[in-house]
Protein backbone atom coordinates (compact mmCIF):
# COMPACT_ATOMS: atom_id res chain seq x y z
CA MET A 1 0.00 0.00 0.00
CA ASP A 2 1.22 3.51 -0.80
CA SER A 3 2.50 5.73 2.00
CA ARG A 4 1.14 8.99 3.38
CA ALA A 5 2.62 11.77 5.47
CA LEU A 6 0.71 14.25 7.61
CA LEU A 7 1.99 17.45 9.18
CA ILE A 8 -0.49 18.90 11.65
CA GLY A 9 -0.16 22.67 11.68
CA ASN A 10 -1.79 25.28 13.87
CA SER A 11 -4.58 26.07 11.42
CA ARG A 12 -4.24 23.55 8.56
CA TRP A 13 -3.29 19.93 8.00
CA HIS A 14 -0.70 19.22 5.33
CA TRP A 15 -0.82 15.89 3.47
CA ALA A 16 1.61 14.05 1.19
CA THR A 17 0.17 11.02 -0.61
CA GLN A 18 2.15 8.49 -2.62
CA ARG A 19 0.67 7.16 -5.85
CA GLY A 20 3.10 4.72 -7.36
CA GLU A 21 6.40 6.55 -7.72
CA ARG A 22 4.84 10.00 -7.48
CA TRP A 23 3.78 12.13 -4.52
CA SER A 24 0.97 14.65 -4.39
CA PHE A 25 0.57 17.38 -1.78
CA ASP A 26 -2.50 18.95 -0.25
CA HIS A 27 -3.11 21.63 2.37
CA ALA A 28 -6.55 21.61 3.93
CA ALA A 29 -8.63 22.31 7.02
CA PRO A 30 -8.30 19.75 9.84
CA ASP A 31 -10.51 16.71 9.29
CA PRO A 32 -9.92 13.61 11.46
CA ARG A 33 -12.07 11.53 9.08
CA TRP A 34 -9.10 11.40 6.68
CA ILE A 35 -6.81 9.77 9.23
CA ASP A 36 -5.78 6.19 8.51
CA THR A 37 -2.68 5.14 10.44
CA THR A 38 -1.78 2.44 7.91
CA ASN A 39 1.52 3.40 6.26
CA LEU A 40 1.24 6.89 7.74
CA ILE A 41 4.02 8.97 9.25
CA TRP A 42 3.06 12.17 10.97
CA ALA A 43 4.36 15.17 12.82
CA ALA A 44 2.58 17.89 14.72
CA VAL A 45 2.94 21.44 15.95
CA GLY A 46 -0.82 21.86 16.39
CA GLU A 47 -3.31 19.90 18.48
CA VAL A 48 -2.98 16.14 18.03
CA PRO A 49 -6.31 14.40 17.30
CA ALA A 50 -7.37 11.40 19.37
CA ALA A 51 -7.01 9.11 16.34
CA LEU A 52 -3.22 9.58 16.43
CA GLU A 53 -2.59 9.38 20.16
CA GLY A 54 -1.93 5.64 19.89
CA ALA A 55 0.33 5.95 16.83
CA GLN A 56 3.43 7.37 18.48
CA GLU A 57 5.71 4.82 16.78
CA SER A 58 5.05 6.51 13.42
CA ARG A 59 5.45 10.06 14.71
CA LEU A 60 8.34 12.06 13.32
CA GLN A 61 9.95 14.08 16.10
CA LEU A 62 12.56 16.85 16.15
CA GLU A 63 15.33 14.35 16.93
CA ASN A 64 14.55 12.52 13.66
CA VAL A 65 15.42 15.57 11.57
CA PRO A 66 19.18 15.60 10.81
CA LEU A 67 19.55 19.35 11.30
CA GLU A 68 22.49 20.11 13.56
CA GLY A 69 22.40 22.65 16.36
CA CYS A 70 18.65 22.50 17.04
CA PRO A 71 17.57 23.41 20.58
CA PRO A 72 15.11 20.89 22.04
CA TRP A 73 12.25 23.41 21.95
CA LEU A 74 12.45 24.08 18.20
CA GLY A 75 9.26 23.29 16.32
CA VAL A 76 9.59 20.21 14.12
CA ASP A 77 8.03 22.15 11.23
CA ARG A 78 10.83 24.73 11.34
CA ALA A 79 13.48 22.01 11.42
CA LEU A 80 11.88 20.11 8.54
CA GLY A 81 11.53 23.24 6.40
CA ALA A 82 15.06 24.50 7.00
CA TRP A 83 16.65 21.08 6.45
CA GLY A 84 14.58 20.56 3.30
CA ALA A 85 15.49 23.97 1.90
CA TRP A 86 19.19 23.41 2.63
CA ARG A 87 19.17 20.04 0.83
CA ARG A 88 17.46 21.50 -2.22
CA GLN A 89 19.66 24.57 -2.37
CA ARG A 90 22.75 22.36 -2.24
CA PHE A 91 21.34 19.96 -4.85
CA GLN A 92 20.73 22.90 -7.19
CA GLY A 93 24.30 24.07 -6.71
CA GLY A 94 23.12 27.31 -5.12
CA ASP A 95 25.27 29.62 -3.02
CA LEU A 96 25.33 28.68 0.66
CA ASP A 97 28.45 30.62 1.69
CA GLN A 98 26.38 32.93 3.90
CA GLY A 99 23.94 30.26 5.00
CA LEU A 100 20.22 29.98 4.35
CA LEU A 101 17.20 31.88 5.65
CA LEU A 102 13.76 30.25 5.53
CA ALA A 103 10.66 32.41 5.83
CA ASP A 104 7.65 30.24 6.67
CA ALA A 105 4.59 32.42 6.15
CA GLY A 106 1.92 30.51 7.99
CA THR A 107 -0.13 31.13 11.11
CA VAL A 108 3.12 32.48 12.53
CA LEU A 109 5.79 34.02 10.34
CA SER A 110 8.89 32.07 11.36
CA LEU A 111 12.32 33.10 10.14
CA THR A 112 14.89 30.33 10.55
CA LEU A 113 18.57 30.93 9.84
CA LEU A 114 21.16 28.26 9.09
CA ASP A 115 24.87 29.05 9.00
CA ALA A 116 27.24 28.23 6.16
CA HIS A 117 27.63 24.68 7.52
CA GLY A 118 23.88 24.00 7.60
CA ARG A 119 23.58 24.32 11.38
CA PHE A 120 20.69 26.02 13.10
CA ARG A 121 21.76 29.57 13.94
CA GLY A 122 18.55 31.10 15.33
CA GLY A 123 15.53 32.94 14.08
CA ARG A 124 12.64 35.32 14.61
CA LEU A 125 8.93 34.78 15.18
CA MET A 126 5.95 37.07 14.73
CA PRO A 127 2.19 36.69 14.17
CA GLY A 128 1.28 35.87 10.59
CA LEU A 129 -1.24 37.62 8.36
CA ARG A 130 -4.47 36.13 9.66
CA LEU A 131 -3.33 36.12 13.28
CA GLN A 132 -2.54 39.83 13.12
CA LEU A 133 -5.87 40.59 11.46
CA GLN A 134 -7.71 38.58 14.11
CA SER A 135 -5.82 40.42 16.84
CA MET A 136 -6.83 43.82 15.47
CA ALA A 137 -10.46 42.80 15.20
CA SER A 138 -10.66 41.28 18.68
CA GLY A 139 -8.61 43.97 20.39
CA THR A 140 -10.48 47.03 19.11
CA ALA A 141 -14.05 48.28 19.08
CA LEU A 142 -14.26 49.58 15.53
CA LEU A 143 -11.97 47.49 13.34
CA PRO A 144 -13.84 44.73 11.48
CA SER A 145 -13.22 41.01 11.32
CA VAL A 146 -11.55 40.32 7.97
CA ALA A 147 -12.53 36.85 6.80
CA ARG A 148 -10.14 36.76 3.86
CA GLN A 149 -7.20 38.67 2.50
CA GLN A 150 -8.16 41.95 0.81
CA ARG A 151 -5.57 42.43 -1.94
CA THR A 152 -5.09 45.84 -3.51
CA ASP A 153 -2.34 47.52 -5.52
CA ASP A 154 -2.94 50.72 -3.56
CA LEU A 155 -0.24 51.01 -0.89
CA PHE A 156 -2.46 53.41 1.08
CA PRO A 157 -6.04 52.15 0.61
CA SER A 158 -9.02 54.07 1.96
CA GLY A 159 -11.11 50.99 2.86
CA THR A 160 -10.61 49.77 6.42
CA ALA A 161 -10.30 46.05 5.61
CA GLU A 162 -7.90 46.79 2.74
CA ALA A 163 -5.85 49.10 4.97
CA MET A 164 -5.60 46.41 7.64
CA CYS A 165 -4.41 43.81 5.13
CA GLN A 166 -1.99 46.17 3.44
CA GLY A 167 -0.51 47.25 6.76
CA VAL A 168 0.04 43.70 7.94
CA MET A 169 1.40 42.53 4.59
CA GLN A 170 3.88 45.40 4.36
CA GLY A 171 5.00 44.77 7.93
CA LEU A 172 5.57 41.07 7.31
CA ALA A 173 7.44 41.71 4.06
CA ALA A 174 9.60 44.33 5.78
CA ALA A 175 10.46 41.84 8.52
CA VAL A 176 11.60 39.30 5.93
CA VAL A 177 13.64 41.90 4.02
CA ASP A 178 15.35 43.06 7.21
CA ALA A 179 16.29 39.49 8.18
CA TYR A 180 17.48 38.78 4.65
CA GLN A 181 19.65 41.89 4.47
CA ASN A 182 21.15 41.42 7.92
CA SER A 183 21.90 37.73 7.44
CA GLY A 184 23.25 37.88 3.89
CA ALA A 185 21.90 34.35 3.46
CA CYS A 186 20.04 32.93 0.48
CA LEU A 187 16.29 33.18 0.98
CA TRP A 188 13.64 30.47 0.74
CA ILE A 189 9.89 30.90 1.33
CA CYS A 190 7.22 28.39 2.27
CA GLY A 191 3.83 28.43 4.00
CA GLY A 192 0.28 29.21 2.98
CA ASP A 193 0.95 32.93 2.49
CA ALA A 194 4.10 32.35 0.44
CA PRO A 195 2.58 33.42 -2.94
CA TRP A 196 1.73 36.99 -1.95
CA LEU A 197 4.94 37.29 0.09
CA GLU A 198 6.96 36.29 -2.96
CA GLN A 199 5.16 38.93 -5.04
CA GLU A 200 5.83 41.61 -2.46
CA LEU A 201 9.51 40.69 -2.15
CA THR A 202 9.86 40.75 -5.94
CA ARG A 203 8.37 44.25 -5.93
CA ARG A 204 11.09 45.21 -3.45
CA GLY A 205 13.82 43.69 -5.59
CA VAL A 206 14.43 40.67 -3.35
CA SER A 207 14.69 37.26 -5.01
CA ALA A 208 13.76 34.04 -3.23
CA GLN A 209 13.09 30.38 -3.87
CA THR A 210 9.47 29.47 -3.10
CA ASN A 211 8.31 25.96 -2.24
CA GLN A 212 5.06 25.50 -0.33
CA ASN A 213 5.70 21.77 0.16
CA LEU A 214 9.12 21.95 1.81
CA GLN A 215 8.15 20.33 5.11
CA LEU A 216 6.15 17.57 3.44
CA GLN A 217 8.96 16.82 1.00
CA ALA A 218 11.37 16.62 3.93
CA MET A 219 9.02 14.20 5.70
CA VAL A 220 8.91 12.03 2.59
CA ASP A 221 12.73 12.02 2.52
CA LEU A 222 12.74 10.87 6.15
CA ILE A 223 10.20 8.05 5.82
CA PRO A 224 12.97 5.38 6.05
CA VAL A 225 13.96 6.87 9.44
CA ILE A 226 10.49 6.27 10.87
CA LYS A 227 9.62 3.15 8.90
CA PRO A 228 12.87 1.39 7.84
CA VAL A 229 12.80 -0.64 4.66
CA PRO A 230 12.57 -4.36 5.61
CA GLY A 231 15.94 -6.10 5.42
CA ARG A 232 18.00 -2.91 5.77
C-alpha cells in the first residue's frame, strides 16, 4: 500500500500522498475523518487528534530531523523546512556561503537561519497575516473582522479592511527583508501565504526560492527513518 505523510499545523493539515512513484501534496482544514494510520508517518505542531494518540511509533519528532544545532524546543516544522530547503539549495548548486534563511509564512511568520555549515543559527517569530488581522479585530471596538485577505495595488487604501491587510502585509514583508539583508543568506519561502509574500519581495527587488511543500517533502525524505525498509 502507498505511503502517506501528515503534518499537523496550527490552522491547517498538510498531506503528502504516494501514488506509485509519485507524490501529491495537499493543504486543507483539519478533518480527522481522513486519518488512517496504515503506512502513515506524521508530525505535529498543532493539536494532536485522538485518532493519532496511539500511533506514536510513526510520529516524526525533532530528533529525527538531521539538522544540527537545534535546541530541544524548536518546532519540528521549522526544522523540517530549514533542512529541506538546505538540501534542495545544495542539490541545485546554489550559493550557501552565507547560509540559508527560511521564511515560513503561515499562522506564525517564522524566520529560521542556518549558518554556512547548515547548522541552526537562530531565528525570529511574529504573528502571521491572519493572526494579526484577528488580533486587530478582537482587540479594538471599531476594526472589522476580515474573513479573507483583501488584496489591492494601492499602498495606502481608503477601505478599512484593505488598509488592515496592506498594513500587515507590508510589515511582514519588511520583517523578511530586514532578516534577509542582515543575514546575507540565500532566501527560501514556504507556507500558505508564500505566494503573496513572494510577489511583495519581488516588488522590493528581493529574489527568493518558493516551495510551499518543503516540510512535506522533507518528511517524505525521512520516511525510512520512521519506517525502515525491511531487510536494511
